[in-house]
Amino acid sequence: MAALGGPERAAWESAAASVLLARQEALDGKPALAGSWAPDSAWAIEGDRAYTTAQACLTLAAWAQPTQLLRGLPSED
């Protein structure tokens, strides 16, 4: 989506951030799980909480720093 740019990128960023941040485990639940994501996605069978959390973090990182991930492609920012 970062390479695509434009309104599609903006819509994806907004939706991804909204969903991921809303599903992140809160500190008021179980403190040991705070900041992670529950392994309840379609791909959770392939991994566990660590896998799900890593995928969520990578998605947020791509949203936050797309030009660093693209390495060399021009930024529209």
PDB file of N, CA and C in Angstrom:
ATOM      1  N   MET A   1       0.824  -1.188   0.000  1.00  0.00           N
ATOM      2  CA  MET A   1       0.000   0.000   0.000  1.00  0.00           C
ATOM      3  C   MET A   1       0.870   1.255   0.000  1.00  0.00           C
ATOM      4  N   ALA A   2       2.012   1.178   0.651  1.00  0.00           N
ATOM      5  CA  ALA A   2       2.890   2.344   0.668  1.00  0.00           C
ATOM      6  C   ALA A   2       3.351   2.690  -0.739  1.00  0.00           C
ATOM      7  N   ALA A   3       3.629   1.687  -1.548  1.00  0.00           N
ATOM      8  CA  ALA A   3       4.063   1.937  -2.921  1.00  0.00           C
ATOM      9  C   ALA A   3       2.920   2.474  -3.768  1.00  0.00           C
ATOM     10  N   LEU A   4       1.703   2.065  -3.480  1.00  0.00           N
ATOM     11  CA  LEU A   4       0.547   2.523  -4.229  1.00  0.00           C
ATOM     12  C   LEU A   4       0.281   4.000  -3.962  1.00  0.00           C
ATOM     13  N   GLY A   5       0.354   4.390  -2.711  1.00  0.00           N
ATOM     14  CA  GLY A   5       0.158   5.791  -2.337  1.00  0.00           C
ATOM     15  C   GLY A   5      -1.274   6.258  -2.506  1.00  0.00           C
ATOM     16  N   GLY A   6      -1.435   7.574  -2.443  1.00  0.00           N
ATOM     17  CA  GLY A   6      -2.730   8.202  -2.667  1.00  0.00           C
ATOM     18  C   GLY A   6      -3.784   7.856  -1.633  1.00  0.00           C
ATOM     19  N   PRO A   7      -5.055   8.008  -2.023  1.00  0.00           N
ATOM     20  CA  PRO A   7      -6.150   7.779  -1.081  1.00  0.00           C
ATOM     21  C   PRO A   7      -6.261   6.326  -0.619  1.00  0.00           C
ATOM     22  N   GLU A   8      -5.833   5.394  -1.462  1.00  0.00           N
ATOM     23  CA  GLU A   8      -5.867   3.987  -1.060  1.00  0.00           C
ATOM     24  C   GLU A   8      -4.934   3.737   0.115  1.00  0.00           C
ATOM     25  N   ARG A   9      -3.743   4.321   0.028  1.00  0.00           N
ATOM     26  CA  ARG A   9      -2.773   4.173   1.115  1.00  0.00           C
ATOM     27  C   ARG A   9      -3.318   4.801   2.393  1.00  0.00           C
ATOM     28  N   ALA A  10      -3.870   5.997   2.277  1.00  0.00           N
ATOM     29  CA  ALA A  10      -4.414   6.685   3.453  1.00  0.00           C
ATOM     30  C   ALA A  10      -5.546   5.881   4.091  1.00  0.00           C
ATOM     31  N   ALA A  11      -6.409   5.299   3.271  1.00  0.00           N
ATOM     32  CA  ALA A  11      -7.521   4.500   3.793  1.00  0.00           C
ATOM     33  C   ALA A  11      -7.004   3.254   4.498  1.00  0.00           C
ATOM     34  N   TRP A  12      -5.998   2.588   3.892  1.00  0.00           N
ATOM     35  CA  TRP A  12      -5.423   1.395   4.506  1.00  0.00           C
ATOM     36  C   TRP A  12      -4.763   1.728   5.834  1.00  0.00           C
ATOM     37  N   GLU A  13      -3.978   2.798   5.864  1.00  0.00           N
ATOM     38  CA  GLU A  13      -3.297   3.192   7.101  1.00  0.00           C
ATOM     39  C   GLU A  13      -4.288   3.455   8.217  1.00  0.00           C
ATOM     40  N   SER A  14      -5.336   4.168   7.897  1.00  0.00           N
ATOM     41  CA  SER A  14      -6.339   4.499   8.901  1.00  0.00           C
ATOM     42  C   SER A  14      -7.031   3.245   9.420  1.00  0.00           C
ATOM     43  N   ALA A  15      -7.427   2.360   8.521  1.00  0.00           N
ATOM     44  CA  ALA A  15      -8.120   1.131   8.922  1.00  0.00           C
ATOM     45  C   ALA A  15      -7.195   0.212   9.713  1.00  0.00           C
ATOM     46  N   ALA A  16      -5.970   0.046   9.245  1.00  0.00           N
ATOM     47  CA  ALA A  16      -5.020  -0.843   9.935  1.00  0.00           C
ATOM     48  C   ALA A  16      -4.723  -0.338  11.341  1.00  0.00           C
ATOM     49  N   ALA A  17      -4.439   0.933  11.464  1.00  0.00           N
ATOM     50  CA  ALA A  17      -4.134   1.493  12.782  1.00  0.00           C
ATOM     51  C   ALA A  17      -5.335   1.376  13.714  1.00  0.00           C
ATOM     52  N   SER A  18      -6.506   1.664  13.212  1.00  0.00           N
ATOM     53  CA  SER A  18      -7.713   1.608  14.024  1.00  0.00           C
ATOM     54  C   SER A  18      -7.968   0.191  14.548  1.00  0.00           C
ATOM     55  N   VAL A  19      -7.902  -0.787  13.668  1.00  0.00           N
ATOM     56  CA  VAL A  19      -8.161  -2.172  14.062  1.00  0.00           C
ATOM     57  C   VAL A  19      -7.072  -2.695  14.985  1.00  0.00           C
ATOM     58  N   LEU A  20      -5.828  -2.500  14.610  1.00  0.00           N
ATOM     59  CA  LEU A  20      -4.737  -3.056  15.411  1.00  0.00           C
ATOM     60  C   LEU A  20      -4.653  -2.432  16.800  1.00  0.00           C
ATOM     61  N   LEU A  21      -4.769  -1.137  16.865  1.00  0.00           N
ATOM     62  CA  LEU A  21      -4.657  -0.487  18.175  1.00  0.00           C
ATOM     63  C   LEU A  21      -5.841  -0.822  19.081  1.00  0.00           C
ATOM     64  N   ALA A  22      -7.020  -1.020  18.490  1.00  0.00           N
ATOM     65  CA  ALA A  22      -8.198  -1.391  19.281  1.00  0.00           C
ATOM     66  C   ALA A  22      -8.079  -2.820  19.819  1.00  0.00           C
ATOM     67  N   ARG A  23      -7.361  -3.685  19.125  1.00  0.00           N
ATOM     68  CA  ARG A  23      -7.247  -5.088  19.525  1.00  0.00           C
ATOM     69  C   ARG A  23      -6.027  -5.391  20.381  1.00  0.00           C
ATOM     70  N   GLN A  24      -5.194  -4.398  20.609  1.00  0.00           N
ATOM     71  CA  GLN A  24      -4.000  -4.607  21.425  1.00  0.00           C
ATOM     72  C   GLN A  24      -4.401  -4.820  22.880  1.00  0.00           C
ATOM     73  N   GLU A  25      -3.753  -5.785  23.536  1.00  0.00           N
ATOM     74  CA  GLU A  25      -4.058  -6.086  24.932  1.00  0.00           C
ATOM     75  C   GLU A  25      -3.721  -4.887  25.817  1.00  0.00           C
ATOM     76  N   ALA A  26      -4.647  -4.555  26.694  1.00  0.00           N
ATOM     77  CA  ALA A  26      -4.472  -3.415  27.599  1.00  0.00           C
ATOM     78  C   ALA A  26      -3.744  -3.838  28.867  1.00  0.00           C
ATOM     79  N   LEU A  27      -3.176  -2.874  29.535  1.00  0.00           N
ATOM     80  CA  LEU A  27      -2.473  -3.119  30.788  1.00  0.00           C
ATOM     81  C   LEU A  27      -3.434  -3.555  31.888  1.00  0.00           C
ATOM     82  N   ASP A  28      -4.698  -3.144  31.811  1.00  0.00           N
ATOM     83  CA  ASP A  28      -5.659  -3.466  32.871  1.00  0.00           C
ATOM     84  C   ASP A  28      -6.132  -4.921  32.838  1.00  0.00           C
ATOM     85  N   GLY A  29      -5.814  -5.648  31.792  1.00  0.00           N
ATOM     86  CA  GLY A  29      -6.163  -7.068  31.729  1.00  0.00           C
ATOM     87  C   GLY A  29      -5.133  -7.875  32.500  1.00  0.00           C
ATOM     88  N   LYS A  30      -4.460  -8.746  31.811  1.00  0.00           N
ATOM     89  CA  LYS A  30      -3.380  -9.518  32.418  1.00  0.00           C
ATOM     90  C   LYS A  30      -2.080  -8.792  32.110  1.00  0.00           C
ATOM     91  N   PRO A  31      -1.381  -8.271  33.117  1.00  0.00           N
ATOM     92  CA  PRO A  31      -0.167  -7.486  32.876  1.00  0.00           C
ATOM     93  C   PRO A  31       0.878  -8.188  32.006  1.00  0.00           C
ATOM     94  N   ALA A  32       0.968  -9.492  32.100  1.00  0.00           N
ATOM     95  CA  ALA A  32       1.962 -10.215  31.306  1.00  0.00           C
ATOM     96  C   ALA A  32       1.651 -10.178  29.813  1.00  0.00           C
ATOM     97  N   LEU A  33       0.391  -9.908  29.465  1.00  0.00           N
ATOM     98  CA  LEU A  33      -0.018  -9.871  28.061  1.00  0.00           C
ATOM     99  C   LEU A  33      -0.107  -8.455  27.508  1.00  0.00           C
ATOM    100  N   ALA A  34       0.053  -7.469  28.353  1.00  0.00           N
ATOM    101  CA  ALA A  34      -0.115  -6.068  27.949  1.00  0.00           C
ATOM    102  C   ALA A  34       0.780  -5.721  26.768  1.00  0.00           C
ATOM    103  N   GLY A  35       0.173  -5.098  25.766  1.00  0.00           N
ATOM    104  CA  GLY A  35       0.906  -4.668  24.583  1.00  0.00           C
ATOM    105  C   GLY A  35       0.953  -5.700  23.475  1.00  0.00           C
ATOM    106  N   SER A  36       0.514  -6.917  23.750  1.00  0.00           N
ATOM    107  CA  SER A  36       0.534  -7.960  22.731  1.00  0.00           C
ATOM    108  C   SER A  36      -0.832  -8.040  22.040  1.00  0.00           C
ATOM    109  N   TRP A  37      -0.935  -8.946  21.088  1.00  0.00           N
ATOM    110  CA  TRP A  37      -2.194  -9.189  20.383  1.00  0.00           C
ATOM    111  C   TRP A  37      -2.569 -10.652  20.553  1.00  0.00           C
ATOM    112  N   ALA A  38      -3.855 -10.917  20.764  1.00  0.00           N
ATOM    113  CA  ALA A  38      -4.344 -12.284  20.941  1.00  0.00           C
ATOM    114  C   ALA A  38      -4.206 -13.071  19.646  1.00  0.00           C
ATOM    115  N   PRO A  39      -3.852 -14.331  19.744  1.00  0.00           N
ATOM    116  CA  PRO A  39      -3.713 -15.165  18.552  1.00  0.00           C
ATOM    117  C   PRO A  39      -5.076 -15.678  18.076  1.00  0.00           C
ATOM    118  N   ASP A  40      -5.919 -14.773  17.586  1.00  0.00           N
ATOM    119  CA  ASP A  40      -7.271 -15.154  17.178  1.00  0.00           C
ATOM    120  C   ASP A  40      -7.567 -14.817  15.715  1.00  0.00           C
ATOM    121  N   SER A  41      -6.539 -14.724  14.907  1.00  0.00           N
ATOM    122  CA  SER A  41      -6.743 -14.442  13.492  1.00  0.00           C
ATOM    123  C   SER A  41      -6.815 -15.753  12.713  1.00  0.00           C
ATOM    124  N   ALA A  42      -7.075 -15.631  11.428  1.00  0.00           N
ATOM    125  CA  ALA A  42      -7.124 -16.815  10.561  1.00  0.00           C
ATOM    126  C   ALA A  42      -5.783 -17.532  10.502  1.00  0.00           C
ATOM    127  N   TRP A  43      -4.696 -16.822  10.778  1.00  0.00           N
ATOM    128  CA  TRP A  43      -3.362 -17.406  10.699  1.00  0.00           C
ATOM    129  C   TRP A  43      -2.814 -17.819  12.059  1.00  0.00           C
ATOM    130  N   ALA A  44      -3.589 -17.679  13.099  1.00  0.00           N
ATOM    131  CA  ALA A  44      -3.110 -17.989  14.447  1.00  0.00           C
ATOM    132  C   ALA A  44      -2.746 -19.457  14.602  1.00  0.00           C
ATOM    133  N   ILE A  45      -3.361 -20.324  13.834  1.00  0.00           N
ATOM    134  CA  ILE A  45      -3.045 -21.748  13.911  1.00  0.00           C
ATOM    135  C   ILE A  45      -1.588 -21.999  13.516  1.00  0.00           C
ATOM    136  N   GLU A  46      -1.034 -21.107  12.688  1.00  0.00           N
ATOM    137  CA  GLU A  46       0.348 -21.239  12.243  1.00  0.00           C
ATOM    138  C   GLU A  46       1.346 -20.684  13.258  1.00  0.00           C
ATOM    139  N   GLY A  47       0.867 -19.875  14.148  1.00  0.00           N
ATOM    140  CA  GLY A  47       1.748 -19.265  15.139  1.00  0.00           C
ATOM    141  C   GLY A  47       1.030 -19.137  16.461  1.00  0.00           C
ATOM    142  N   ASP A  48       1.555 -18.341  17.318  1.00  0.00           N
ATOM    143  CA  ASP A  48       0.934 -18.127  18.610  1.00  0.00           C
ATOM    144  C   ASP A  48       0.876 -16.633  18.884  1.00  0.00           C
ATOM    145  N   ARG A  49       0.806 -16.259  20.131  1.00  0.00           N
ATOM    146  CA  ARG A  49       0.736 -14.844  20.490  1.00  0.00           C
ATOM    147  C   ARG A  49       1.961 -14.085  19.981  1.00  0.00           C
ATOM    148  N   ALA A  50       3.121 -14.686  20.033  1.00  0.00           N
ATOM    149  CA  ALA A  50       4.337 -14.017  19.558  1.00  0.00           C
ATOM    150  C   ALA A  50       4.252 -13.738  18.061  1.00  0.00           C
ATOM    151  N   TYR A  51       3.761 -14.697  17.298  1.00  0.00           N
ATOM    152  CA  TYR A  51       3.613 -14.523  15.846  1.00  0.00           C
ATOM    153  C   TYR A  51       2.609 -13.418  15.533  1.00  0.00           C
ATOM    154  N   THR A  52       1.455 -13.469  16.191  1.00  0.00           N
ATOM    155  CA  THR A  52       0.415 -12.465  15.957  1.00  0.00           C
ATOM    156  C   THR A  52       0.918 -11.070  16.338  1.00  0.00           C
ATOM    157  N   THR A  53       1.617 -10.971  17.450  1.00  0.00           N
ATOM    158  CA  THR A  53       2.159  -9.689  17.894  1.00  0.00           C
ATOM    159  C   THR A  53       3.220  -9.186  16.920  1.00  0.00           C
ATOM    160  N   ALA A  54       4.073 -10.062  16.446  1.00  0.00           N
ATOM    161  CA  ALA A  54       5.093  -9.661  15.478  1.00  0.00           C
ATOM    162  C   ALA A  54       4.464  -9.140  14.190  1.00  0.00           C
ATOM    163  N   GLN A  55       3.432  -9.812  13.706  1.00  0.00           N
ATOM    164  CA  GLN A  55       2.765  -9.367  12.481  1.00  0.00           C
ATOM    165  C   GLN A  55       2.096  -8.000  12.686  1.00  0.00           C
ATOM    166  N   ALA A  56       1.484  -7.797  13.832  1.00  0.00           N
ATOM    167  CA  ALA A  56       0.852  -6.504  14.121  1.00  0.00           C
ATOM    168  C   ALA A  56       1.911  -5.402  14.198  1.00  0.00           C
ATOM    169  N   CYS A  57       3.022  -5.680  14.836  1.00  0.00           N
ATOM    170  CA  CYS A  57       4.099  -4.686  14.944  1.00  0.00           C
ATOM    171  C   CYS A  57       4.689  -4.356  13.578  1.00  0.00           C
ATOM    172  N   LEU A  58       4.883  -5.356  12.743  1.00  0.00           N
ATOM    173  CA  LEU A  58       5.402  -5.115  11.392  1.00  0.00           C
ATOM    174  C   LEU A  58       4.431  -4.279  10.563  1.00  0.00           C
ATOM    175  N   THR A  59       3.148  -4.534  10.726  1.00  0.00           N
ATOM    176  CA  THR A  59       2.142  -3.746  10.008  1.00  0.00           C
ATOM    177  C   THR A  59       2.185  -2.298  10.462  1.00  0.00           C
ATOM    178  N   LEU A  60       2.249  -2.083  11.765  1.00  0.00           N
ATOM    179  CA  LEU A  60       2.317  -0.711  12.272  1.00  0.00           C
ATOM    180  C   LEU A  60       3.629  -0.038  11.873  1.00  0.00           C
ATOM    181  N   ALA A  61       4.710  -0.788  11.823  1.00  0.00           N
ATOM    182  CA  ALA A  61       5.997  -0.221  11.407  1.00  0.00           C
ATOM    183  C   ALA A  61       5.953   0.204   9.945  1.00  0.00           C
ATOM    184  N   ALA A  62       5.312  -0.590   9.115  1.00  0.00           N
ATOM    185  CA  ALA A  62       5.189  -0.233   7.698  1.00  0.00           C
ATOM    186  C   ALA A  62       4.358   1.029   7.538  1.00  0.00           C
ATOM    187  N   TRP A  63       3.364   1.178   8.381  1.00  0.00           N
ATOM    188  CA  TRP A  63       2.515   2.370   8.327  1.00  0.00           C
ATOM    189  C   TRP A  63       3.289   3.591   8.808  1.00  0.00           C
ATOM    190  N   ALA A  64       4.111   3.404   9.804  1.00  0.00           N
ATOM    191  CA  ALA A  64       4.835   4.527  10.391  1.00  0.00           C
ATOM    192  C   ALA A  64       6.042   4.961   9.569  1.00  0.00           C
ATOM    193  N   GLN A  65       6.751   4.023   8.955  1.00  0.00           N
ATOM    194  CA  GLN A  65       7.991   4.324   8.240  1.00  0.00           C
ATOM    195  C   GLN A  65       8.023   3.640   6.870  1.00  0.00           C
ATOM    196  N   PRO A  66       7.072   3.886   5.993  1.00  0.00           N
ATOM    197  CA  PRO A  66       7.042   3.156   4.720  1.00  0.00           C
ATOM    198  C   PRO A  66       8.263   3.395   3.850  1.00  0.00           C
ATOM    199  N   THR A  67       8.819   4.584   3.863  1.00  0.00           N
ATOM    200  CA  THR A  67       9.947   4.856   2.972  1.00  0.00           C
ATOM    201  C   THR A  67      11.189   4.090   3.387  1.00  0.00           C
ATOM    202  N   GLN A  68      11.362   3.842   4.664  1.00  0.00           N
ATOM    203  CA  GLN A  68      12.501   3.048   5.107  1.00  0.00           C
ATOM    204  C   GLN A  68      12.356   1.595   4.691  1.00  0.00           C
ATOM    205  N   LEU A  69      11.124   1.097   4.649  1.00  0.00           N
ATOM    206  CA  LEU A  69      10.901  -0.284   4.248  1.00  0.00           C
ATOM    207  C   LEU A  69      11.036  -0.443   2.734  1.00  0.00           C
ATOM    208  N   LEU A  70      10.714   0.574   1.989  1.00  0.00           N
ATOM    209  CA  LEU A  70      10.769   0.486   0.528  1.00  0.00           C
ATOM    210  C   LEU A  70      12.175   0.658  -0.021  1.00  0.00           C
ATOM    211  N   ARG A  71      13.060   1.297   0.730  1.00  0.00           N
ATOM    212  CA  ARG A  71      14.459   1.491   0.354  1.00  0.00           C
ATOM    213  C   ARG A  71      14.638   1.980  -1.079  1.00  0.00           C
ATOM    214  N   GLY A  72      14.606   3.253  -1.215  1.00  0.00           N
ATOM    215  CA  GLY A  72      14.921   3.838  -2.498  1.00  0.00           C
ATOM    216  C   GLY A  72      13.736   4.313  -3.306  1.00  0.00           C
ATOM    217  N   LEU A  73      12.537   3.815  -3.017  1.00  0.00           N
ATOM    218  CA  LEU A  73      11.389   4.322  -3.747  1.00  0.00           C
ATOM    219  C   LEU A  73      11.038   5.703  -3.210  1.00  0.00           C
ATOM    220  N   PRO A  74      10.653   6.615  -4.077  1.00  0.00           N
ATOM    221  CA  PRO A  74      10.348   7.972  -3.609  1.00  0.00           C
ATOM    222  C   PRO A  74       9.146   7.991  -2.684  1.00  0.00           C
ATOM    223  N   SER A  75       9.187   8.853  -1.715  1.00  0.00           N
ATOM    224  CA  SER A  75       8.115   9.005  -0.743  1.00  0.00           C
ATOM    225  C   SER A  75       7.126  10.054  -1.230  1.00  0.00           C
ATOM    226  N   GLU A  76       5.854   9.817  -0.929  1.00  0.00           N
ATOM    227  CA  GLU A  76       4.818  10.790  -1.243  1.00  0.00           C
ATOM    228  C   GLU A  76       4.495  11.661  -0.042  1.00  0.00           C
ATOM    229  N   ASP A  77       5.215  11.466   1.056  1.00  0.00           N
ATOM    230  CA  ASP A  77       4.944  12.207   2.289  1.00  0.00           C
ATOM    231  C   ASP A  77       5.311  13.665   2.153  1.00  0.00           C
TER     232      ASP A  77
END
